[in-house]
Amino acid sequence: MITLLVVMHVIVCALLITLVLIQRGRGGGLVESFSGVESMFGTKTNAFLTRATTILSVVFFFTCLSLAILSVKQSKSLLSNVKPTPVAATQPVAATASTGATAPVQPATATTKANQK
């Protein structure tokens, strides 16, 4: 089901992009490059392109919505099978560490080595 929707969504996206680029806008669109496309439907070309763009945009909206709904229904949490641990059972790391303080180790220098001999 999802595969069919994805394929349909990609086809609708490609057609929608093509129709938007073909339509004559302020800059003329791609219709100026392809003069035969403009006269494809005669005087009703602009109305056809507008209606086709509207239909494809509605189909695009519904495919987006249905893909989102289906993906939510199929998604599973990674932690759905993990049982939570009780809060009292966990101990902080600082409480388990030894509390005995040790003096820092001083690096051996040439004078301390000479004094030790």
PDB file of N, CA and C in Angstrom:
ATOM      1  N   MET A   1       0.823  -1.190   0.000  1.00  0.00           N
ATOM      2  CA  MET A   1       0.000   0.000   0.000  1.00  0.00           C
ATOM      3  C   MET A   1       0.868   1.255   0.000  1.00  0.00           C
ATOM      4  N   ILE A   2       1.881   1.251   0.867  1.00  0.00           N
ATOM      5  CA  ILE A   2       2.752   2.428   0.937  1.00  0.00           C
ATOM      6  C   ILE A   2       3.562   2.579  -0.345  1.00  0.00           C
ATOM      7  N   THR A   3       3.990   1.456  -0.913  1.00  0.00           N
ATOM      8  CA  THR A   3       4.779   1.514  -2.141  1.00  0.00           C
ATOM      9  C   THR A   3       3.961   2.123  -3.271  1.00  0.00           C
ATOM     10  N   LEU A   4       2.713   1.732  -3.374  1.00  0.00           N
ATOM     11  CA  LEU A   4       1.835   2.296  -4.403  1.00  0.00           C
ATOM     12  C   LEU A   4       1.649   3.797  -4.197  1.00  0.00           C
ATOM     13  N   LEU A   5       1.470   4.208  -2.951  1.00  0.00           N
ATOM     14  CA  LEU A   5       1.308   5.635  -2.664  1.00  0.00           C
ATOM     15  C   LEU A   5       2.580   6.427  -2.958  1.00  0.00           C
ATOM     16  N   VAL A   6       3.732   5.851  -2.656  1.00  0.00           N
ATOM     17  CA  VAL A   6       4.990   6.549  -2.916  1.00  0.00           C
ATOM     18  C   VAL A   6       5.200   6.713  -4.418  1.00  0.00           C
ATOM     19  N   VAL A   7       4.916   5.661  -5.183  1.00  0.00           N
ATOM     20  CA  VAL A   7       5.072   5.742  -6.639  1.00  0.00           C
ATOM     21  C   VAL A   7       4.112   6.783  -7.211  1.00  0.00           C
ATOM     22  N   MET A   8       2.868   6.758  -6.758  1.00  0.00           N
ATOM     23  CA  MET A   8       1.890   7.735  -7.219  1.00  0.00           C
ATOM     24  C   MET A   8       2.302   9.160  -6.819  1.00  0.00           C
ATOM     25  N   HIS A   9       2.848   9.300  -5.629  1.00  0.00           N
ATOM     26  CA  HIS A   9       3.294  10.608  -5.134  1.00  0.00           C
ATOM     27  C   HIS A   9       4.434  11.157  -5.992  1.00  0.00           C
ATOM     28  N   VAL A  10       5.376  10.306  -6.347  1.00  0.00           N
ATOM     29  CA  VAL A  10       6.509  10.750  -7.168  1.00  0.00           C
ATOM     30  C   VAL A  10       6.039  11.159  -8.561  1.00  0.00           C
ATOM     31  N   ILE A  11       5.117  10.389  -9.134  1.00  0.00           N
ATOM     32  CA  ILE A  11       4.595  10.726 -10.459  1.00  0.00           C
ATOM     33  C   ILE A  11       3.833  12.052 -10.414  1.00  0.00           C
ATOM     34  N   VAL A  12       3.009  12.223  -9.394  1.00  0.00           N
ATOM     35  CA  VAL A  12       2.254  13.472  -9.257  1.00  0.00           C
ATOM     36  C   VAL A  12       3.204  14.650  -9.059  1.00  0.00           C
ATOM     37  N   CYS A  13       4.273  14.446  -8.287  1.00  0.00           N
ATOM     38  CA  CYS A  13       5.255  15.526  -8.076  1.00  0.00           C
ATOM     39  C   CYS A  13       5.912  15.930  -9.391  1.00  0.00           C
ATOM     40  N   ALA A  14       6.317  14.952 -10.182  1.00  0.00           N
ATOM     41  CA  ALA A  14       6.966  15.244 -11.468  1.00  0.00           C
ATOM     42  C   ALA A  14       6.009  15.963 -12.413  1.00  0.00           C
ATOM     43  N   LEU A  15       4.772  15.508 -12.479  1.00  0.00           N
ATOM     44  CA  LEU A  15       3.791  16.167 -13.350  1.00  0.00           C
ATOM     45  C   LEU A  15       3.466  17.579 -12.870  1.00  0.00           C
ATOM     46  N   LEU A  16       3.373  17.744 -11.571  1.00  0.00           N
ATOM     47  CA  LEU A  16       3.067  19.065 -11.012  1.00  0.00           C
ATOM     48  C   LEU A  16       4.200  20.054 -11.293  1.00  0.00           C
ATOM     49  N   ILE A  17       5.419  19.607 -11.130  1.00  0.00           N
ATOM     50  CA  ILE A  17       6.567  20.474 -11.430  1.00  0.00           C
ATOM     51  C   ILE A  17       6.572  20.858 -12.899  1.00  0.00           C
ATOM     52  N   THR A  18       6.314  19.879 -13.766  1.00  0.00           N
ATOM     53  CA  THR A  18       6.292  20.144 -15.203  1.00  0.00           C
ATOM     54  C   THR A  18       5.189  21.135 -15.567  1.00  0.00           C
ATOM     55  N   LEU A  19       4.003  20.936 -15.017  1.00  0.00           N
ATOM     56  CA  LEU A  19       2.900  21.850 -15.333  1.00  0.00           C
ATOM     57  C   LEU A  19       3.154  23.264 -14.839  1.00  0.00           C
ATOM     58  N   VAL A  20       3.741  23.392 -13.673  1.00  0.00           N
ATOM     59  CA  VAL A  20       4.017  24.732 -13.145  1.00  0.00           C
ATOM     60  C   VAL A  20       5.072  25.432 -14.003  1.00  0.00           C
ATOM     61  N   LEU A  21       6.060  24.675 -14.458  1.00  0.00           N
ATOM     62  CA  LEU A  21       7.098  25.296 -15.288  1.00  0.00           C
ATOM     63  C   LEU A  21       6.594  25.647 -16.691  1.00  0.00           C
ATOM     64  N   ILE A  22       5.628  24.898 -17.198  1.00  0.00           N
ATOM     65  CA  ILE A  22       5.109  25.164 -18.538  1.00  0.00           C
ATOM     66  C   ILE A  22       4.215  26.406 -18.557  1.00  0.00           C
ATOM     67  N   GLN A  23       3.516  26.672 -17.473  1.00  0.00           N
ATOM     68  CA  GLN A  23       2.557  27.776 -17.464  1.00  0.00           C
ATOM     69  C   GLN A  23       3.244  29.112 -17.663  1.00  0.00           C
ATOM     70  N   ARG A  24       2.554  29.968 -18.343  1.00  0.00           N
ATOM     71  CA  ARG A  24       3.089  31.298 -18.615  1.00  0.00           C
ATOM     72  C   ARG A  24       2.913  32.157 -17.365  1.00  0.00           C
ATOM     73  N   GLY A  25       3.998  32.673 -16.899  1.00  0.00           N
ATOM     74  CA  GLY A  25       3.976  33.547 -15.733  1.00  0.00           C
ATOM     75  C   GLY A  25       4.451  34.922 -16.120  1.00  0.00           C
ATOM     76  N   ARG A  26       5.014  35.631 -15.186  1.00  0.00           N
ATOM     77  CA  ARG A  26       5.533  36.969 -15.477  1.00  0.00           C
ATOM     78  C   ARG A  26       6.717  36.895 -16.425  1.00  0.00           C
ATOM     79  N   GLY A  27       7.551  35.879 -16.249  1.00  0.00           N
ATOM     80  CA  GLY A  27       8.738  35.750 -17.091  1.00  0.00           C
ATOM     81  C   GLY A  27       8.479  34.974 -18.366  1.00  0.00           C
ATOM     82  N   GLY A  28       7.315  34.442 -18.554  1.00  0.00           N
ATOM     83  CA  GLY A  28       7.000  33.728 -19.774  1.00  0.00           C
ATOM     84  C   GLY A  28       6.999  32.224 -19.604  1.00  0.00           C
ATOM     85  N   GLY A  29       7.710  31.693 -18.616  1.00  0.00           N
ATOM     86  CA  GLY A  29       7.743  30.252 -18.374  1.00  0.00           C
ATOM     87  C   GLY A  29       8.507  29.512 -19.452  1.00  0.00           C
ATOM     88  N   LEU A  30       8.377  28.233 -19.468  1.00  0.00           N
ATOM     89  CA  LEU A  30       9.032  27.418 -20.485  1.00  0.00           C
ATOM     90  C   LEU A  30       8.238  27.361 -21.777  1.00  0.00           C
ATOM     91  N   VAL A  31       7.059  27.954 -21.789  1.00  0.00           N
ATOM     92  CA  VAL A  31       6.211  27.914 -22.977  1.00  0.00           C
ATOM     93  C   VAL A  31       6.876  28.656 -24.120  1.00  0.00           C
ATOM     94  N   GLU A  32       7.628  29.685 -23.822  1.00  0.00           N
ATOM     95  CA  GLU A  32       8.297  30.426 -24.885  1.00  0.00           C
ATOM     96  C   GLU A  32       9.329  29.563 -25.593  1.00  0.00           C
ATOM     97  N   SER A  33       9.950  28.640 -24.870  1.00  0.00           N
ATOM     98  CA  SER A  33      10.927  27.751 -25.497  1.00  0.00           C
ATOM     99  C   SER A  33      10.245  26.701 -26.362  1.00  0.00           C
ATOM    100  N   PHE A  34       9.088  26.267 -25.943  1.00  0.00           N
ATOM    101  CA  PHE A  34       8.340  25.240 -26.667  1.00  0.00           C
ATOM    102  C   PHE A  34       7.047  25.878 -27.193  1.00  0.00           C
ATOM    103  N   SER A  35       7.095  26.438 -28.358  1.00  0.00           N
ATOM    104  CA  SER A  35       5.924  27.146 -28.887  1.00  0.00           C
ATOM    105  C   SER A  35       4.786  26.195 -29.216  1.00  0.00           C
ATOM    106  N   GLY A  36       5.071  24.936 -29.489  1.00  0.00           N
ATOM    107  CA  GLY A  36       4.027  23.976 -29.820  1.00  0.00           C
ATOM    108  C   GLY A  36       3.180  23.595 -28.628  1.00  0.00           C
ATOM    109  N   VAL A  37       3.714  23.687 -27.419  1.00  0.00           N
ATOM    110  CA  VAL A  37       2.973  23.318 -26.220  1.00  0.00           C
ATOM    111  C   VAL A  37       1.852  24.315 -25.958  1.00  0.00           C
ATOM    112  N   GLU A  38       2.118  25.580 -26.263  1.00  0.00           N
ATOM    113  CA  GLU A  38       1.121  26.604 -26.002  1.00  0.00           C
ATOM    114  C   GLU A  38      -0.131  26.413 -26.856  1.00  0.00           C
ATOM    115  N   SER A  39       0.029  25.941 -28.067  1.00  0.00           N
ATOM    116  CA  SER A  39      -1.125  25.755 -28.940  1.00  0.00           C
ATOM    117  C   SER A  39      -1.641  24.319 -28.915  1.00  0.00           C
ATOM    118  N   MET A  40      -1.230  23.557 -27.923  1.00  0.00           N
ATOM    119  CA  MET A  40      -1.623  22.151 -27.842  1.00  0.00           C
ATOM    120  C   MET A  40      -3.129  22.016 -27.696  1.00  0.00           C
ATOM    121  N   PHE A  41      -3.757  22.869 -26.900  1.00  0.00           N
ATOM    122  CA  PHE A  41      -5.198  22.806 -26.695  1.00  0.00           C
ATOM    123  C   PHE A  41      -5.909  24.033 -27.275  1.00  0.00           C
ATOM    124  N   GLY A  42      -5.244  24.751 -28.108  1.00  0.00           N
ATOM    125  CA  GLY A  42      -5.860  25.920 -28.741  1.00  0.00           C
ATOM    126  C   GLY A  42      -5.975  27.075 -27.768  1.00  0.00           C
ATOM    127  N   THR A  43      -7.110  27.732 -27.789  1.00  0.00           N
ATOM    128  CA  THR A  43      -7.306  28.901 -26.944  1.00  0.00           C
ATOM    129  C   THR A  43      -7.558  28.522 -25.486  1.00  0.00           C
ATOM    130  N   LYS A  44      -7.867  27.281 -25.236  1.00  0.00           N
ATOM    131  CA  LYS A  44      -8.169  26.827 -23.879  1.00  0.00           C
ATOM    132  C   LYS A  44      -6.944  26.249 -23.169  1.00  0.00           C
ATOM    133  N   THR A  45      -5.753  26.486 -23.668  1.00  0.00           N
ATOM    134  CA  THR A  45      -4.543  25.924 -23.064  1.00  0.00           C
ATOM    135  C   THR A  45      -4.344  26.431 -21.644  1.00  0.00           C
ATOM    136  N   ASN A  46      -4.533  27.723 -21.433  1.00  0.00           N
ATOM    137  CA  ASN A  46      -4.328  28.290 -20.105  1.00  0.00           C
ATOM    138  C   ASN A  46      -5.325  27.717 -19.102  1.00  0.00           C
ATOM    139  N   ALA A  47      -6.571  27.558 -19.507  1.00  0.00           N
ATOM    140  CA  ALA A  47      -7.591  26.998 -18.613  1.00  0.00           C
ATOM    141  C   ALA A  47      -7.285  25.534 -18.295  1.00  0.00           C
ATOM    142  N   PHE A  48      -6.827  24.784 -19.308  1.00  0.00           N
ATOM    143  CA  PHE A  48      -6.484  23.379 -19.077  1.00  0.00           C
ATOM    144  C   PHE A  48      -5.310  23.241 -18.115  1.00  0.00           C
ATOM    145  N   LEU A  49      -4.280  24.046 -18.308  1.00  0.00           N
ATOM    146  CA  LEU A  49      -3.105  23.970 -17.436  1.00  0.00           C
ATOM    147  C   LEU A  49      -3.458  24.363 -16.004  1.00  0.00           C
ATOM    148  N   THR A  50      -4.315  25.355 -15.841  1.00  0.00           N
ATOM    149  CA  THR A  50      -4.737  25.768 -14.503  1.00  0.00           C
ATOM    150  C   THR A  50      -5.546  24.673 -13.827  1.00  0.00           C
ATOM    151  N   ARG A  51      -6.464  24.058 -14.562  1.00  0.00           N
ATOM    152  CA  ARG A  51      -7.297  22.994 -14.004  1.00  0.00           C
ATOM    153  C   ARG A  51      -6.451  21.752 -13.683  1.00  0.00           C
ATOM    154  N   ALA A  52      -5.521  21.408 -14.563  1.00  0.00           N
ATOM    155  CA  ALA A  52      -4.659  20.250 -14.318  1.00  0.00           C
ATOM    156  C   ALA A  52      -3.758  20.487 -13.110  1.00  0.00           C
ATOM    157  N   THR A  53      -3.269  21.717 -12.946  1.00  0.00           N
ATOM    158  CA  THR A  53      -2.442  22.048 -11.788  1.00  0.00           C
ATOM    159  C   THR A  53      -3.255  21.949 -10.504  1.00  0.00           C
ATOM    160  N   THR A  54      -4.492  22.391 -10.542  1.00  0.00           N
ATOM    161  CA  THR A  54      -5.358  22.303  -9.358  1.00  0.00           C
ATOM    162  C   THR A  54      -5.626  20.856  -8.985  1.00  0.00           C
ATOM    163  N   ILE A  55      -5.945  20.032  -9.960  1.00  0.00           N
ATOM    164  CA  ILE A  55      -6.231  18.616  -9.693  1.00  0.00           C
ATOM    165  C   ILE A  55      -4.995  17.915  -9.153  1.00  0.00           C
ATOM    166  N   LEU A  56      -3.842  18.151  -9.775  1.00  0.00           N
ATOM    167  CA  LEU A  56      -2.609  17.506  -9.310  1.00  0.00           C
ATOM    168  C   LEU A  56      -2.199  17.997  -7.926  1.00  0.00           C
ATOM    169  N   SER A  57      -2.466  19.255  -7.609  1.00  0.00           N
ATOM    170  CA  SER A  57      -2.115  19.744  -6.271  1.00  0.00           C
ATOM    171  C   SER A  57      -3.006  19.118  -5.208  1.00  0.00           C
ATOM    172  N   VAL A  58      -4.287  18.867  -5.529  1.00  0.00           N
ATOM    173  CA  VAL A  58      -5.174  18.190  -4.583  1.00  0.00           C
ATOM    174  C   VAL A  58      -4.736  16.743  -4.390  1.00  0.00           C
ATOM    175  N   VAL A  59      -4.361  16.066  -5.475  1.00  0.00           N
ATOM    176  CA  VAL A  59      -3.872  14.687  -5.365  1.00  0.00           C
ATOM    177  C   VAL A  59      -2.571  14.654  -4.572  1.00  0.00           C
ATOM    178  N   PHE A  60      -1.706  15.636  -4.800  1.00  0.00           N
ATOM    179  CA  PHE A  60      -0.449  15.731  -4.053  1.00  0.00           C
ATOM    180  C   PHE A  60      -0.718  15.895  -2.562  1.00  0.00           C
ATOM    181  N   PHE A  61      -1.679  16.742  -2.212  1.00  0.00           N
ATOM    182  CA  PHE A  61      -2.032  16.961  -0.810  1.00  0.00           C
ATOM    183  C   PHE A  61      -2.522  15.664  -0.164  1.00  0.00           C
ATOM    184  N   PHE A  62      -3.406  14.940  -0.853  1.00  0.00           N
ATOM    185  CA  PHE A  62      -3.947  13.708  -0.280  1.00  0.00           C
ATOM    186  C   PHE A  62      -2.900  12.602  -0.191  1.00  0.00           C
ATOM    187  N   THR A  63      -1.984  12.527  -1.148  1.00  0.00           N
ATOM    188  CA  THR A  63      -0.922  11.516  -1.035  1.00  0.00           C
ATOM    189  C   THR A  63       0.018  11.853   0.111  1.00  0.00           C
ATOM    190  N   CYS A  64       0.320  13.137   0.305  1.00  0.00           N
ATOM    191  CA  CYS A  64       1.160  13.532   1.446  1.00  0.00           C
ATOM    192  C   CYS A  64       0.484  13.179   2.769  1.00  0.00           C
ATOM    193  N   LEU A  65      -0.788  13.508   2.857  1.00  0.00           N
ATOM    194  CA  LEU A  65      -1.537  13.244   4.080  1.00  0.00           C
ATOM    195  C   LEU A  65      -1.643  11.743   4.361  1.00  0.00           C
ATOM    196  N   SER A  66      -1.950  10.963   3.345  1.00  0.00           N
ATOM    197  CA  SER A  66      -2.090   9.512   3.548  1.00  0.00           C
ATOM    198  C   SER A  66      -0.750   8.863   3.861  1.00  0.00           C
ATOM    199  N   LEU A  67       0.331   9.323   3.253  1.00  0.00           N
ATOM    200  CA  LEU A  67       1.653   8.778   3.584  1.00  0.00           C
ATOM    201  C   LEU A  67       2.038   9.112   5.021  1.00  0.00           C
ATOM    202  N   ALA A  68       1.686  10.294   5.468  1.00  0.00           N
ATOM    203  CA  ALA A  68       1.989  10.665   6.852  1.00  0.00           C
ATOM    204  C   ALA A  68       1.190   9.821   7.833  1.00  0.00           C
ATOM    205  N   ILE A  69      -0.077   9.595   7.545  1.00  0.00           N
ATOM    206  CA  ILE A  69      -0.914   8.788   8.440  1.00  0.00           C
ATOM    207  C   ILE A  69      -0.436   7.345   8.471  1.00  0.00           C
ATOM    208  N   LEU A  70      -0.114   6.787   7.310  1.00  0.00           N
ATOM    209  CA  LEU A  70       0.359   5.397   7.268  1.00  0.00           C
ATOM    210  C   LEU A  70       1.714   5.224   7.943  1.00  0.00           C
ATOM    211  N   SER A  71       2.578   6.220   7.837  1.00  0.00           N
ATOM    212  CA  SER A  71       3.886   6.094   8.482  1.00  0.00           C
ATOM    213  C   SER A  71       3.772   6.177   9.997  1.00  0.00           C
ATOM    214  N   VAL A  72       2.821   6.947  10.495  1.00  0.00           N
ATOM    215  CA  VAL A  72       2.617   7.027  11.946  1.00  0.00           C
ATOM    216  C   VAL A  72       2.072   5.703  12.467  1.00  0.00           C
ATOM    217  N   LYS A  73       1.163   5.083  11.725  1.00  0.00           N
ATOM    218  CA  LYS A  73       0.585   3.816  12.167  1.00  0.00           C
ATOM    219  C   LYS A  73       1.602   2.683  12.150  1.00  0.00           C
ATOM    220  N   GLN A  74       2.551   2.730  11.230  1.00  0.00           N
ATOM    221  CA  GLN A  74       3.523   1.647  11.123  1.00  0.00           C
ATOM    222  C   GLN A  74       4.757   1.849  11.966  1.00  0.00           C
ATOM    223  N   SER A  75       4.990   3.034  12.449  1.00  0.00           N
ATOM    224  CA  SER A  75       6.209   3.266  13.219  1.00  0.00           C
ATOM    225  C   SER A  75       6.074   2.670  14.611  1.00  0.00           C
ATOM    226  N   LYS A  76       7.168   2.115  15.070  1.00  0.00           N
ATOM    227  CA  LYS A  76       7.209   1.523  16.408  1.00  0.00           C
ATOM    228  C   LYS A  76       8.338   2.186  17.187  1.00  0.00           C
ATOM    229  N   SER A  77       8.152   2.283  18.465  1.00  0.00           N
ATOM    230  CA  SER A  77       9.176   2.857  19.310  1.00  0.00           C
ATOM    231  C   SER A  77      10.281   1.837  19.528  1.00  0.00           C
ATOM    232  N   LEU A  78      11.498   2.295  19.591  1.00  0.00           N
ATOM    233  CA  LEU A  78      12.619   1.402  19.857  1.00  0.00           C
ATOM    234  C   LEU A  78      12.611   0.903  21.288  1.00  0.00           C
ATOM    235  N   LEU A  79      11.961   1.625  22.172  1.00  0.00           N
ATOM    236  CA  LEU A  79      11.941   1.275  23.584  1.00  0.00           C
ATOM    237  C   LEU A  79      10.604   0.673  24.012  1.00  0.00           C
ATOM    238  N   SER A  80       9.823   0.190  23.072  1.00  0.00           N
ATOM    239  CA  SER A  80       8.505  -0.330  23.432  1.00  0.00           C
ATOM    240  C   SER A  80       8.595  -1.639  24.222  1.00  0.00           C
ATOM    241  N   ASN A  81       9.655  -2.428  24.027  1.00  0.00           N
ATOM    242  CA  ASN A  81       9.793  -3.701  24.735  1.00  0.00           C
ATOM    243  C   ASN A  81      10.675  -3.608  25.977  1.00  0.00           C
ATOM    244  N   VAL A  82      11.231  -2.454  26.257  1.00  0.00           N
ATOM    245  CA  VAL A  82      12.118  -2.276  27.403  1.00  0.00           C
ATOM    246  C   VAL A  82      11.281  -1.916  28.617  1.00  0.00           C
ATOM    247  N   LYS A  83      11.502  -2.647  29.706  1.00  0.00           N
ATOM    248  CA  LYS A  83      10.782  -2.353  30.940  1.00  0.00           C
ATOM    249  C   LYS A  83      11.551  -1.297  31.724  1.00  0.00           C
ATOM    250  N   PRO A  84      10.878  -0.299  32.252  1.00  0.00           N
ATOM    251  CA  PRO A  84      11.582   0.743  33.005  1.00  0.00           C
ATOM    252  C   PRO A  84      12.067   0.190  34.344  1.00  0.00           C
ATOM    253  N   THR A  85      13.229   0.652  34.773  1.00  0.00           N
ATOM    254  CA  THR A  85      13.772   0.236  36.063  1.00  0.00           C
ATOM    255  C   THR A  85      13.253   1.161  37.142  1.00  0.00           C
ATOM    256  N   PRO A  86      13.024   0.636  38.342  1.00  0.00           N
ATOM    257  CA  PRO A  86      12.559   1.509  39.423  1.00  0.00           C
ATOM    258  C   PRO A  86      13.631   2.526  39.790  1.00  0.00           C
ATOM    259  N   VAL A  87      13.203   3.681  40.221  1.00  0.00           N
ATOM    260  CA  VAL A  87      14.118   4.771  40.539  1.00  0.00           C
ATOM    261  C   VAL A  87      14.979   4.426  41.751  1.00  0.00           C
ATOM    262  N   ALA A  88      14.442   3.729  42.750  1.00  0.00           N
ATOM    263  CA  ALA A  88      15.187   3.397  43.960  1.00  0.00           C
ATOM    264  C   ALA A  88      16.287   2.378  43.687  1.00  0.00           C
ATOM    265  N   ALA A  89      16.168   1.594  42.657  1.00  0.00           N
ATOM    266  CA  ALA A  89      17.159   0.564  42.366  1.00  0.00           C
ATOM    267  C   ALA A  89      18.434   1.139  41.767  1.00  0.00           C
ATOM    268  N   THR A  90      18.348   2.282  41.154  1.00  0.00           N
ATOM    269  CA  THR A  90      19.542   2.879  40.570  1.00  0.00           C
ATOM    270  C   THR A  90      20.269   3.697  41.613  1.00  0.00           C
ATOM    271  N   GLN A  91      21.593   3.581  41.644  1.00  0.00           N
ATOM    272  CA  GLN A  91      22.397   4.333  42.596  1.00  0.00           C
ATOM    273  C   GLN A  91      23.282   5.296  41.828  1.00  0.00           C
ATOM    274  N   PRO A  92      23.491   6.466  42.366  1.00  0.00           N
ATOM    275  CA  PRO A  92      24.378   7.403  41.691  1.00  0.00           C
ATOM    276  C   PRO A  92      25.816   6.909  41.730  1.00  0.00           C
ATOM    277  N   VAL A  93      26.585   7.296  40.779  1.00  0.00           N
ATOM    278  CA  VAL A  93      27.969   6.841  40.661  1.00  0.00           C
ATOM    279  C   VAL A  93      28.811   7.360  41.819  1.00  0.00           C
ATOM    280  N   ALA A  94      28.564   8.566  42.286  1.00  0.00           N
ATOM    281  CA  ALA A  94      29.368   9.155  43.354  1.00  0.00           C
ATOM    282  C   ALA A  94      29.216   8.381  44.662  1.00  0.00           C
ATOM    283  N   ALA A  95      28.080   7.788  44.940  1.00  0.00           N
ATOM    284  CA  ALA A  95      27.863   7.065  46.186  1.00  0.00           C
ATOM    285  C   ALA A  95      28.590   5.727  46.192  1.00  0.00           C
ATOM    286  N   THR A  96      28.828   5.139  45.051  1.00  0.00           N
ATOM    287  CA  THR A  96      29.503   3.846  44.996  1.00  0.00           C
ATOM    288  C   THR A  96      31.017   3.989  44.946  1.00  0.00           C
ATOM    289  N   ALA A  97      31.539   5.152  44.622  1.00  0.00           N
ATOM    290  CA  ALA A  97      32.984   5.346  44.552  1.00  0.00           C
ATOM    291  C   ALA A  97      33.567   5.432  45.958  1.00  0.00           C
ATOM    292  N   SER A  98      34.838   5.088  46.091  1.00  0.00           N
ATOM    293  CA  SER A  98      35.478   5.153  47.414  1.00  0.00           C
ATOM    294  C   SER A  98      35.641   6.606  47.820  1.00  0.00           C
ATOM    295  N   THR A  99      35.491   6.856  49.100  1.00  0.00           N
ATOM    296  CA  THR A  99      35.559   8.229  49.593  1.00  0.00           C
ATOM    297  C   THR A  99      36.939   8.582  50.137  1.00  0.00           C
ATOM    298  N   GLY A 100      37.872   7.648  50.100  1.00  0.00           N
ATOM    299  CA  GLY A 100      39.209   7.933  50.619  1.00  0.00           C
ATOM    300  C   GLY A 100      39.940   8.893  49.713  1.00  0.00           C
ATOM    301  N   ALA A 101      40.502   9.934  50.294  1.00  0.00           N
ATOM    302  CA  ALA A 101      41.225  10.924  49.511  1.00  0.00           C
ATOM    303  C   ALA A 101      42.686  10.513  49.422  1.00  0.00           C
ATOM    304  N   THR A 102      43.260  10.659  48.296  1.00  0.00           N
ATOM    305  CA  THR A 102      44.684  10.350  48.118  1.00  0.00           C
ATOM    306  C   THR A 102      45.395  11.616  47.709  1.00  0.00           C
ATOM    307  N   ALA A 103      46.663  11.697  48.099  1.00  0.00           N
ATOM    308  CA  ALA A 103      47.459  12.866  47.761  1.00  0.00           C
ATOM    309  C   ALA A 103      47.885  12.754  46.310  1.00  0.00           C
ATOM    310  N   PRO A 104      47.968  13.870  45.645  1.00  0.00           N
ATOM    311  CA  PRO A 104      48.398  13.817  44.243  1.00  0.00           C
ATOM    312  C   PRO A 104      49.858  13.397  44.146  1.00  0.00           C
ATOM    313  N   VAL A 105      50.174  12.679  43.123  1.00  0.00           N
ATOM    314  CA  VAL A 105      51.534  12.200  42.912  1.00  0.00           C
ATOM    315  C   VAL A 105      52.334  13.313  42.267  1.00  0.00           C
ATOM    316  N   GLN A 106      53.518  13.605  42.875  1.00  0.00           N
ATOM    317  CA  GLN A 106      54.365  14.642  42.333  1.00  0.00           C
ATOM    318  C   GLN A 106      55.332  14.030  41.338  1.00  0.00           C
ATOM    319  N   PRO A 107      55.552  14.700  40.247  1.00  0.00           N
ATOM    320  CA  PRO A 107      56.482  14.151  39.256  1.00  0.00           C
ATOM    321  C   PRO A 107      57.910  14.195  39.789  1.00  0.00           C
ATOM    322  N   ALA A 108      58.706  13.209  39.403  1.00  0.00           N
ATOM    323  CA  ALA A 108      60.106  13.139  39.847  1.00  0.00           C
ATOM    324  C   ALA A 108      60.934  14.106  39.031  1.00  0.00           C
ATOM    325  N   THR A 109      61.702  14.940  39.718  1.00  0.00           N
ATOM    326  CA  THR A 109      62.580  15.889  39.041  1.00  0.00           C
ATOM    327  C   THR A 109      64.021  15.454  39.259  1.00  0.00           C
ATOM    328  N   ALA A 110      64.963  16.146  38.669  1.00  0.00           N
ATOM    329  CA  ALA A 110      66.384  15.783  38.777  1.00  0.00           C
ATOM    330  C   ALA A 110      66.888  15.983  40.196  1.00  0.00           C
ATOM    331  N   THR A 111      66.390  17.004  40.901  1.00  0.00           N
ATOM    332  CA  THR A 111      66.869  17.251  42.257  1.00  0.00           C
ATOM    333  C   THR A 111      66.335  16.198  43.224  1.00  0.00           C
ATOM    334  N   THR A 112      65.109  15.729  43.052  1.00  0.00           N
ATOM    335  CA  THR A 112      64.586  14.706  43.955  1.00  0.00           C
ATOM    336  C   THR A 112      65.256  13.373  43.695  1.00  0.00           C
ATOM    337  N   LYS A 113      65.646  13.078  42.454  1.00  0.00           N
ATOM    338  CA  LYS A 113      66.338  11.832  42.166  1.00  0.00           C
ATOM    339  C   LYS A 113      67.746  11.852  42.793  1.00  0.00           C
ATOM    340  N   ALA A 114      68.366  13.009  42.782  1.00  0.00           N
ATOM    341  CA  ALA A 114      69.703  13.109  43.360  1.00  0.00           C
ATOM    342  C   ALA A 114      69.650  12.988  44.872  1.00  0.00           C
ATOM    343  N   ASN A 115      68.599  13.514  45.498  1.00  0.00           N
ATOM    344  CA  ASN A 115      68.437  13.424  46.948  1.00  0.00           C
ATOM    345  C   ASN A 115      68.133  12.000  47.382  1.00  0.00           C
ATOM    346  N   GLN A 116      67.491  11.212  46.529  1.00  0.00           N
ATOM    347  CA  GLN A 116      67.148   9.850  46.901  1.00  0.00           C
ATOM    348  C   GLN A 116      68.359   8.948  46.880  1.00  0.00           C
ATOM    349  N   LYS A 117      69.413   9.261  46.157  1.00  0.00           N
ATOM    350  CA  LYS A 117      70.598   8.399  46.060  1.00  0.00           C
ATOM    351  C   LYS A 117      71.449   8.657  47.207  1.00  0.00           C
TER     352      LYS A 117
END
